[in-house]
Amino acid sequence: MKDEIQDTKNFVQELSEILYNYISGIAPSGTEFILHIVVKIGLLIGIFLIIDFIFKIIINSGSRFFSSQEKYPILNSIKTSKVTNSVAHFIALTIVGGIQNYIFTNHIPSTTFFIVRMVNLGLVLIIAGMLYRSLTGFRNYFVIKQDFYNIMALNAISETVKILGIFIFSIVGVCVIFGIKGTTIVGSLGAITAVLVLVFRDTILGFVTGIHVATSKSLKVGDWVSIPKYSIEGNIADISLLTTKITNFDKTVSTIPTYDLLTTEIKNLQVMSESNTRRIKKSIYFNINSFKFLTEEDVERLKEVNLISEYLEGKSIELRKEKENLKHSDKIINGRQLTNIGVFRYYAQRYLENDPDVDQNGAMMVRQLDITPQGLPLEVYCFANDSKWEHFEQIQADIFDHLLVASKEFDLQVMQISVKV
């Protein structure tokens, strides 16, 4: 093996010697040095491109046998992120750095110092690109696995690593080009640490927020959220290191600082969308002056309402028995009585229980709230069995359309503001 390597080196030296003599013969006087440098650099670039192209073909052709994303998610994520291209670049540049000494040997040694530094700088850039592409590969892997929480964490990490990587590899690049010791530059950074922390404040907060949100699994891209602080409601389109984009339902796009996800109240409404249910919580205000006890005539009339006929029949018998031994039973106020607001509340409850558009497994109630100057609020609390906005609004409107009109049958007056002209 050593003999074969030595023969290759000798062959390269012989070819470079012939090329050197040819260039020396045709070069104008005074330009030999410059022309030799240009030719040497051109040859090295050509060799790099050829070797890089060959290794790309070899690596990419082998990856064709692992094209199934379900069976080989890791290999597919590596291929998509083009980490293999960085590997090919690294191998090619390493070979070029090894053979550059055998081109124009002993004729223009002054170029060796310059070329070695350029090769080292190229290796630094390739390693930086390889690391960044590796992060992209991790993200692609979780995209294939549909793990959106880890995707969000990697977004924060990759953005942070990218910024820090640019900073670190810039220092390394300067050290390589000018031959400066890294400790000299790093030592001088101590004086500006406070400035760096101030400059990267949002970056640090965004990084911490991304990690927190990913580990707590409270939010992810695609979630339907509401942010009362900004009066925003829509779907999360993207969570990056510094900003979070939300597509509002009016087709506009809102952008908030990512660290606000940690410090601001955010309602995640995605659970409603996933369960295909959405809460109805709305009140009707009734005039208290329209409340009354139901007479026997009123009860008989309301028994014709199918949803409450059995209820009224049972209550009538129950209340009649209670009044048998009650003094002054002829007075309607004595003893328990049915009221129009109470019977209507029961009717509304029964109506919800028989509505096919209301989720029968969720919480369901019709309740009285605290009396206000506008009247007594009767709140309907239930869940529609369709979370789509337009369908939900239709279901809610149908319920209240019916209850508002039905309240007239119970001699109830719905409050409304009258404007005097």
Protein backbone atom coordinates (compact mmCIF):
# COMPACT_ATOMS: atom_id res chain seq x y z
CA MET A 1 0.00 0.00 0.00
CA LYS A 2 2.85 2.38 0.88
CA ASP A 3 4.52 1.68 -2.47
CA GLU A 4 1.31 2.53 -4.33
CA ILE A 5 0.96 5.82 -2.45
CA GLN A 6 4.60 6.68 -3.18
CA ASP A 7 4.13 5.88 -6.88
CA THR A 8 1.12 8.20 -6.96
CA LYS A 9 3.12 10.99 -5.35
CA ASN A 10 5.94 10.52 -7.85
CA PHE A 11 3.46 10.58 -10.74
CA VAL A 12 1.91 13.87 -9.49
CA GLN A 13 5.38 15.39 -9.06
CA GLU A 14 6.41 14.41 -12.60
CA LEU A 15 3.27 15.92 -14.11
CA SER A 16 3.65 19.12 -12.08
CA GLU A 17 7.31 19.36 -13.14
CA ILE A 18 6.37 19.13 -16.81
CA LEU A 19 3.62 21.73 -16.31
CA TYR A 20 6.01 24.04 -14.45
CA ASN A 21 8.58 23.91 -17.24
CA TYR A 22 5.86 24.54 -19.86
CA ILE A 23 4.48 27.58 -18.01
CA SER A 24 7.98 28.94 -17.45
CA GLY A 25 8.59 28.72 -21.18
CA ILE A 26 5.45 30.56 -22.30
CA ALA A 27 5.15 33.10 -19.45
CA PRO A 28 6.09 36.71 -20.28
CA SER A 29 9.13 38.08 -18.49
CA GLY A 30 8.37 39.16 -14.91
CA THR A 31 5.05 37.31 -14.66
CA GLU A 32 6.31 33.78 -14.04
CA PHE A 33 5.69 33.86 -10.28
CA ILE A 34 2.16 35.19 -10.49
CA LEU A 35 1.22 32.82 -13.31
CA HIS A 36 2.56 29.83 -11.40
CA ILE A 37 0.55 30.75 -8.33
CA VAL A 38 -2.63 31.17 -10.37
CA VAL A 39 -2.09 27.84 -12.13
CA LYS A 40 -1.34 26.02 -8.86
CA ILE A 41 -4.46 27.38 -7.17
CA GLY A 42 -6.51 26.58 -10.29
CA LEU A 43 -5.21 23.01 -10.30
CA LEU A 44 -6.02 22.53 -6.63
CA ILE A 45 -9.55 23.89 -7.13
CA GLY A 46 -10.03 21.62 -10.14
CA ILE A 47 -8.79 18.58 -8.19
CA PHE A 48 -11.09 19.54 -5.30
CA LEU A 49 -14.14 19.80 -7.57
CA ILE A 50 -13.41 16.46 -9.28
CA ILE A 51 -12.87 14.57 -6.01
CA ASP A 52 -15.90 16.27 -4.44
CA PHE A 53 -18.06 15.34 -7.45
CA ILE A 54 -16.91 11.70 -7.35
CA PHE A 55 -17.64 11.31 -3.63
CA LYS A 56 -21.04 12.95 -4.00
CA ILE A 57 -21.99 10.43 -6.68
CA ILE A 58 -20.77 7.51 -4.55
CA ILE A 59 -22.56 8.65 -1.39
CA ASN A 60 -25.81 9.75 -3.05
CA SER A 61 -26.06 6.64 -5.20
CA GLY A 62 -25.79 4.48 -2.09
CA SER A 63 -28.59 6.43 -0.41
CA ARG A 64 -31.05 5.45 -3.15
CA PHE A 65 -31.42 2.04 -1.53
CA PHE A 66 -32.79 3.71 1.60
CA SER A 67 -35.45 5.96 0.07
CA SER A 68 -38.31 4.80 2.31
CA GLN A 69 -38.98 7.45 4.97
CA GLU A 70 -40.90 5.07 7.20
CA LYS A 71 -38.16 2.40 7.28
CA TYR A 72 -35.11 4.70 7.24
CA PRO A 73 -36.12 8.08 8.72
CA ILE A 74 -32.59 8.87 9.95
CA LEU A 75 -30.93 8.27 6.58
CA ASN A 76 -33.63 10.23 4.78
CA SER A 77 -33.27 13.18 7.14
CA ILE A 78 -29.48 13.15 6.59
CA LYS A 79 -29.94 13.07 2.83
CA THR A 80 -32.52 15.87 2.84
CA SER A 81 -30.32 18.12 4.97
CA LYS A 82 -27.33 17.47 2.62
CA VAL A 83 -24.95 16.44 5.40
CA THR A 84 -23.46 13.99 2.90
CA ASN A 85 -22.40 16.90 0.69
CA SER A 86 -20.47 18.39 3.61
CA VAL A 87 -18.79 15.01 4.15
CA ALA A 88 -17.77 14.94 0.48
CA HIS A 89 -16.42 18.52 0.75
CA PHE A 90 -14.40 17.58 3.83
CA ILE A 91 -12.83 14.50 2.22
CA ALA A 92 -12.03 16.37 -0.99
CA LEU A 93 -10.41 19.33 0.80
CA THR A 94 -8.40 17.00 3.05
CA ILE A 95 -7.00 15.25 -0.03
CA VAL A 96 -6.22 18.58 -1.69
CA GLY A 97 -4.39 19.74 1.44
CA GLY A 98 -2.35 16.55 1.38
CA ILE A 99 -1.27 16.74 -2.27
CA GLN A 100 -0.65 20.48 -2.62
CA ASN A 101 3.00 20.02 -1.55
CA TYR A 102 3.60 17.75 -4.56
CA ILE A 103 2.59 20.33 -7.16
CA PHE A 104 5.50 22.50 -8.37
CA THR A 105 7.72 20.95 -5.66
CA ASN A 106 10.71 23.11 -4.64
CA HIS A 107 9.86 25.80 -7.21
CA ILE A 108 7.37 28.13 -5.45
CA PRO A 109 7.51 27.10 -1.77
CA SER A 110 6.27 30.56 -0.70
CA THR A 111 2.76 29.61 -1.81
CA THR A 112 2.62 26.67 0.60
CA PHE A 113 2.11 28.93 3.62
CA PHE A 114 -0.77 30.78 1.94
CA ILE A 115 -2.47 27.64 0.56
CA VAL A 116 -2.23 25.75 3.87
CA ARG A 117 -4.04 28.58 5.62
CA MET A 118 -6.71 28.68 2.91
CA VAL A 119 -7.20 24.92 3.21
CA ASN A 120 -7.52 25.21 6.99
CA LEU A 121 -10.02 28.05 6.60
CA GLY A 122 -11.98 25.92 4.14
CA LEU A 123 -12.04 23.05 6.64
CA VAL A 124 -13.38 25.41 9.33
CA LEU A 125 -16.18 26.58 7.02
CA ILE A 126 -17.03 23.01 5.97
CA ILE A 127 -17.19 21.82 9.60
CA ALA A 128 -19.43 24.79 10.47
CA GLY A 129 -21.73 23.95 7.55
CA MET A 130 -21.75 20.28 8.54
CA LEU A 131 -22.82 21.09 12.10
CA TYR A 132 -25.59 23.40 10.95
CA ARG A 133 -26.81 20.85 8.40
CA SER A 134 -26.77 18.23 11.15
CA LEU A 135 -29.21 20.35 13.14
CA THR A 136 -31.38 20.61 10.03
CA GLY A 137 -31.15 16.83 9.74
CA PHE A 138 -32.41 16.42 13.31
CA ARG A 139 -35.32 18.73 12.49
CA ASN A 140 -36.14 16.75 9.33
CA TYR A 141 -36.15 13.55 11.38
CA PHE A 142 -38.77 14.92 13.77
CA VAL A 143 -40.77 16.29 10.82
CA ILE A 144 -40.93 12.75 9.46
CA LYS A 145 -41.96 11.52 12.93
CA GLN A 146 -44.52 14.38 13.24
CA ASP A 147 -43.03 15.32 16.64
CA PHE A 148 -43.88 19.04 16.60
CA TYR A 149 -42.76 19.76 20.16
CA ASN A 150 -39.21 18.59 19.46
CA ILE A 151 -39.28 20.50 16.18
CA MET A 152 -39.99 23.68 18.11
CA ALA A 153 -37.17 22.98 20.56
CA LEU A 154 -34.75 22.31 17.70
CA ASN A 155 -35.82 25.54 16.01
CA ALA A 156 -34.79 27.45 19.12
CA ILE A 157 -31.59 25.44 19.51
CA SER A 158 -30.59 25.67 15.84
CA GLU A 159 -31.13 29.43 15.74
CA THR A 160 -29.08 29.86 18.90
CA VAL A 161 -26.33 27.54 17.66
CA LYS A 162 -26.32 29.34 14.32
CA ILE A 163 -25.77 32.73 15.94
CA LEU A 164 -23.17 31.43 18.39
CA GLY A 165 -21.59 29.34 15.64
CA ILE A 166 -21.14 32.37 13.39
CA PHE A 167 -19.49 34.15 16.30
CA ILE A 168 -17.22 31.25 17.29
CA PHE A 169 -16.23 30.16 13.77
CA SER A 170 -15.56 33.79 12.83
CA ILE A 171 -13.01 33.92 15.66
CA VAL A 172 -11.53 30.59 14.57
CA GLY A 173 -11.37 31.81 10.95
CA VAL A 174 -9.54 34.99 11.94
CA CYS A 175 -7.12 32.92 14.02
CA VAL A 176 -6.46 30.59 11.07
CA ILE A 177 -5.96 33.37 8.49
CA PHE A 178 -3.70 35.62 10.57
CA GLY A 179 -2.10 32.97 12.75
CA ILE A 180 -3.40 34.52 15.98
CA LYS A 181 -3.80 32.42 19.10
CA GLY A 182 -7.44 31.87 20.06
CA THR A 183 -6.70 32.61 23.71
CA THR A 184 -5.69 36.15 22.78
CA ILE A 185 -9.07 36.92 21.20
CA VAL A 186 -11.09 35.06 23.81
CA GLY A 187 -9.26 36.84 26.61
CA SER A 188 -10.14 40.23 25.18
CA LEU A 189 -13.85 39.30 25.20
CA GLY A 190 -13.99 39.48 28.99
CA ALA A 191 -14.19 43.26 28.84
CA ILE A 192 -17.29 43.24 26.62
CA THR A 193 -19.21 40.35 28.23
CA ALA A 194 -21.90 42.67 29.59
CA VAL A 195 -22.36 44.22 26.16
CA LEU A 196 -22.72 40.80 24.54
CA VAL A 197 -25.35 39.74 27.11
CA LEU A 198 -27.27 42.94 26.43
CA VAL A 199 -27.07 42.49 22.66
CA PHE A 200 -28.17 38.85 22.81
CA ARG A 201 -30.85 39.38 25.48
CA ASP A 202 -33.77 38.51 23.18
CA THR A 203 -31.81 35.58 21.76
CA ILE A 204 -31.21 34.12 25.23
CA LEU A 205 -34.84 34.66 26.25
CA GLY A 206 -36.07 33.10 23.00
CA PHE A 207 -33.82 30.09 23.52
CA VAL A 208 -35.05 29.56 27.09
CA THR A 209 -38.68 30.00 25.97
CA GLY A 210 -38.27 27.50 23.14
CA ILE A 211 -36.86 24.88 25.49
CA HIS A 212 -39.58 25.51 28.09
CA VAL A 213 -42.45 25.36 25.61
CA ALA A 214 -41.04 22.21 24.00
CA THR A 215 -40.55 20.38 27.28
CA SER A 216 -43.91 21.45 28.72
CA LYS A 217 -45.64 20.62 25.41
CA SER A 218 -48.03 23.50 25.92
CA LEU A 219 -47.77 24.93 22.40
CA LYS A 220 -46.68 23.85 18.93
CA VAL A 221 -46.84 25.06 15.35
CA GLY A 222 -50.38 24.75 14.02
CA ASP A 223 -52.10 25.24 17.39
CA TRP A 224 -55.15 27.47 17.57
CA VAL A 225 -54.38 30.10 20.22
CA SER A 226 -55.83 33.26 21.69
CA ILE A 227 -53.68 36.02 23.21
CA PRO A 228 -55.89 38.53 25.05
CA LYS A 229 -52.98 40.95 25.60
CA TYR A 230 -52.72 41.61 21.86
CA SER A 231 -56.33 40.72 20.95
CA ILE A 232 -54.98 37.97 18.70
CA GLU A 233 -56.72 34.72 17.81
CA GLY A 234 -55.46 32.37 15.13
CA ASN A 235 -53.06 29.53 14.33
CA ILE A 236 -49.35 29.50 15.12
CA ALA A 237 -47.53 29.58 11.77
CA ASP A 238 -43.94 29.56 13.01
CA ILE A 239 -41.96 29.71 16.25
CA SER A 240 -38.41 30.93 15.71
CA LEU A 241 -35.77 32.08 18.12
CA LEU A 242 -36.82 35.74 18.21
CA THR A 243 -40.35 35.96 16.81
CA THR A 244 -43.52 33.90 16.66
CA LYS A 245 -45.89 34.30 13.70
CA ILE A 246 -49.63 33.79 14.11
CA THR A 247 -52.03 33.63 11.17
CA ASN A 248 -55.21 35.35 12.29
CA PHE A 249 -58.64 34.24 11.16
CA ASP A 250 -59.01 37.49 9.17
CA LYS A 251 -56.06 36.33 7.01
CA THR A 252 -53.63 38.82 8.56
CA VAL A 253 -50.35 37.77 10.17
CA SER A 254 -49.33 38.92 13.65
CA THR A 255 -45.78 38.71 14.98
CA ILE A 256 -44.94 38.70 18.69
CA PRO A 257 -41.63 38.22 20.54
CA THR A 258 -41.05 34.55 21.27
CA TYR A 259 -40.28 35.24 24.93
CA ASP A 260 -43.88 36.46 25.27
CA LEU A 261 -44.91 32.81 25.09
CA LEU A 262 -43.40 32.49 28.55
CA THR A 263 -44.56 35.76 30.11
CA THR A 264 -48.00 36.40 28.56
CA GLU A 265 -51.34 34.68 29.07
CA ILE A 266 -51.99 32.43 26.08
CA LYS A 267 -55.10 30.33 25.66
CA ASN A 268 -54.47 27.16 23.69
CA LEU A 269 -57.77 26.35 21.98
CA GLN A 270 -56.36 23.44 20.00
CA VAL A 271 -57.98 20.93 22.36
CA MET A 272 -61.39 22.11 21.19
CA SER A 273 -60.36 21.66 17.57
CA GLU A 274 -58.95 18.17 18.18
CA SER A 275 -62.02 17.05 20.13
CA ASN A 276 -64.28 18.78 17.56
CA THR A 277 -66.21 20.52 20.34
CA ARG A 278 -66.47 24.18 21.26
CA ARG A 279 -67.95 25.83 24.31
CA ILE A 280 -71.14 27.87 24.23
CA LYS A 281 -71.32 30.30 27.16
CA LYS A 282 -73.86 33.01 26.57
CA SER A 283 -76.67 34.66 28.57
CA ILE A 284 -80.16 36.05 28.02
CA TYR A 285 -81.17 38.95 30.27
CA PHE A 286 -84.78 38.87 31.52
CA ASN A 287 -86.82 41.66 33.05
CA ILE A 288 -87.44 40.73 36.69
CA ASN A 289 -90.83 42.46 36.60
CA SER A 290 -92.04 39.80 34.15
CA PHE A 291 -91.46 36.96 36.64
CA LYS A 292 -94.58 35.44 38.18
CA PHE A 293 -96.10 32.34 39.78
CA LEU A 294 -97.86 30.06 37.32
CA THR A 295 -101.59 29.67 37.81
CA GLU A 296 -103.42 26.42 37.10
CA GLU A 297 -104.50 27.88 33.77
CA ASP A 298 -100.88 28.69 32.91
CA VAL A 299 -99.79 25.17 33.86
CA GLU A 300 -102.48 23.57 31.76
CA ARG A 301 -101.55 25.72 28.80
CA LEU A 302 -97.81 24.88 29.10
CA LYS A 303 -98.56 21.13 29.39
CA GLU A 304 -99.05 21.25 25.65
CA VAL A 305 -95.30 21.88 25.28
CA ASN A 306 -93.95 18.37 24.70
CA LEU A 307 -90.53 18.85 26.32
CA ILE A 308 -91.98 19.84 29.70
CA SER A 309 -95.42 18.16 29.75
CA GLU A 310 -94.29 15.21 31.93
CA TYR A 311 -92.35 17.56 34.20
CA LEU A 312 -95.39 19.80 34.73
CA GLU A 313 -97.67 16.83 35.30
CA GLY A 314 -95.41 15.42 37.98
CA LYS A 315 -94.86 18.76 39.64
CA SER A 316 -98.59 19.54 39.67
CA ILE A 317 -99.36 16.29 41.52
CA GLU A 318 -96.48 16.83 43.94
CA LEU A 319 -97.46 20.41 44.78
CA ARG A 320 -101.17 19.53 45.06
CA LYS A 321 -100.40 16.90 47.72
CA GLU A 322 -98.30 19.38 49.68
CA LYS A 323 -101.17 21.89 49.77
CA GLU A 324 -103.76 19.44 51.05
CA ASN A 325 -102.74 20.02 54.68
CA LEU A 326 -101.56 23.58 54.19
CA LYS A 327 -103.44 26.51 55.77
CA HIS A 328 -104.70 29.17 53.41
CA SER A 329 -103.90 26.95 50.45
CA ASP A 330 -106.00 29.20 48.27
CA LYS A 331 -103.27 31.84 48.49
CA ILE A 332 -100.83 31.21 45.64
CA ILE A 333 -97.87 32.47 47.61
CA ASN A 334 -98.21 29.82 50.31
CA GLY A 335 -96.09 26.71 49.80
CA ARG A 336 -93.90 25.89 46.85
CA GLN A 337 -95.04 27.16 43.48
CA LEU A 338 -93.98 26.92 39.87
CA THR A 339 -92.66 30.13 38.32
CA ASN A 340 -92.45 31.06 34.68
CA ILE A 341 -88.68 31.70 34.88
CA GLY A 342 -88.09 28.35 36.64
CA VAL A 343 -90.17 26.36 34.15
CA PHE A 344 -88.50 28.16 31.26
CA ARG A 345 -85.08 27.28 32.72
CA TYR A 346 -86.12 23.61 32.79
CA TYR A 347 -87.46 23.92 29.24
CA ALA A 348 -84.14 25.38 28.04
CA GLN A 349 -82.26 22.51 29.70
CA ARG A 350 -84.49 19.93 28.02
CA TYR A 351 -84.11 21.71 24.70
CA LEU A 352 -80.32 21.41 24.92
CA GLU A 353 -80.58 17.74 25.87
CA ASN A 354 -82.60 17.08 22.72
CA ASP A 355 -80.49 19.19 20.36
CA PRO A 356 -78.38 16.91 18.09
CA ASP A 357 -75.85 19.73 17.58
CA VAL A 358 -75.00 19.86 21.31
CA ASP A 359 -72.38 17.50 22.75
CA GLN A 360 -74.36 15.30 25.14
CA ASN A 361 -71.22 14.01 26.88
CA GLY A 362 -69.92 17.44 27.85
CA ALA A 363 -71.00 19.77 30.63
CA MET A 364 -74.49 21.14 30.03
CA MET A 365 -76.52 23.49 32.19
CA VAL A 366 -78.84 26.48 32.18
CA ARG A 367 -78.15 28.59 35.26
CA GLN A 368 -78.97 31.93 36.83
CA LEU A 369 -76.17 34.44 37.34
CA ASP A 370 -76.03 37.41 39.71
CA ILE A 371 -78.74 40.00 39.14
CA THR A 372 -77.53 43.09 37.28
CA PRO A 373 -79.10 46.50 36.55
CA GLN A 374 -79.99 45.05 33.13
CA GLY A 375 -81.96 42.21 34.68
CA LEU A 376 -81.44 38.56 35.57
CA PRO A 377 -78.94 36.73 33.30
CA LEU A 378 -79.92 33.19 32.39
CA GLU A 379 -76.75 31.56 31.09
CA VAL A 380 -76.61 28.67 28.65
CA TYR A 381 -73.46 26.60 29.18
CA CYS A 382 -72.80 23.64 26.87
CA PHE A 383 -70.56 22.46 24.04
CA ALA A 384 -71.32 22.42 20.33
CA ASN A 385 -70.25 19.20 18.63
CA ASP A 386 -68.56 21.05 15.75
CA SER A 387 -65.54 23.29 16.40
CA LYS A 388 -65.43 24.91 12.96
CA TRP A 389 -66.05 28.59 13.43
CA GLU A 390 -68.85 29.01 10.91
CA HIS A 391 -70.65 25.85 12.04
CA PHE A 392 -70.25 26.77 15.72
CA GLU A 393 -71.76 30.21 15.21
CA GLN A 394 -74.68 28.66 13.34
CA ILE A 395 -75.37 26.16 16.14
CA GLN A 396 -75.15 28.86 18.82
CA ALA A 397 -77.42 31.22 16.87
CA ASP A 398 -80.02 28.48 16.34
CA ILE A 399 -80.17 27.77 20.09
CA PHE A 400 -80.63 31.38 21.09
CA ASP A 401 -83.01 32.17 18.24
CA HIS A 402 -85.29 29.47 19.58
CA LEU A 403 -84.96 30.35 23.28
CA LEU A 404 -85.51 34.08 22.72
CA VAL A 405 -88.76 33.46 20.85
CA ALA A 406 -89.86 30.58 23.12
CA SER A 407 -89.57 32.82 26.20
CA LYS A 408 -92.72 34.66 25.05
CA GLU A 409 -94.74 31.48 25.63
CA PHE A 410 -93.77 31.75 29.30
CA ASP A 411 -94.74 35.45 29.52
CA LEU A 412 -91.12 36.44 30.02
CA GLN A 413 -89.76 39.77 28.85
CA VAL A 414 -86.27 39.90 27.40
CA MET A 415 -84.42 43.06 28.37
CA GLN A 416 -83.41 45.51 25.68
CA ILE A 417 -82.30 49.11 25.80
CA SER A 418 -84.89 51.54 24.50
CA VAL A 419 -83.55 54.72 22.98
CA LYS A 420 -85.64 57.85 23.35
CA VAL A 421 -85.65 60.04 20.27
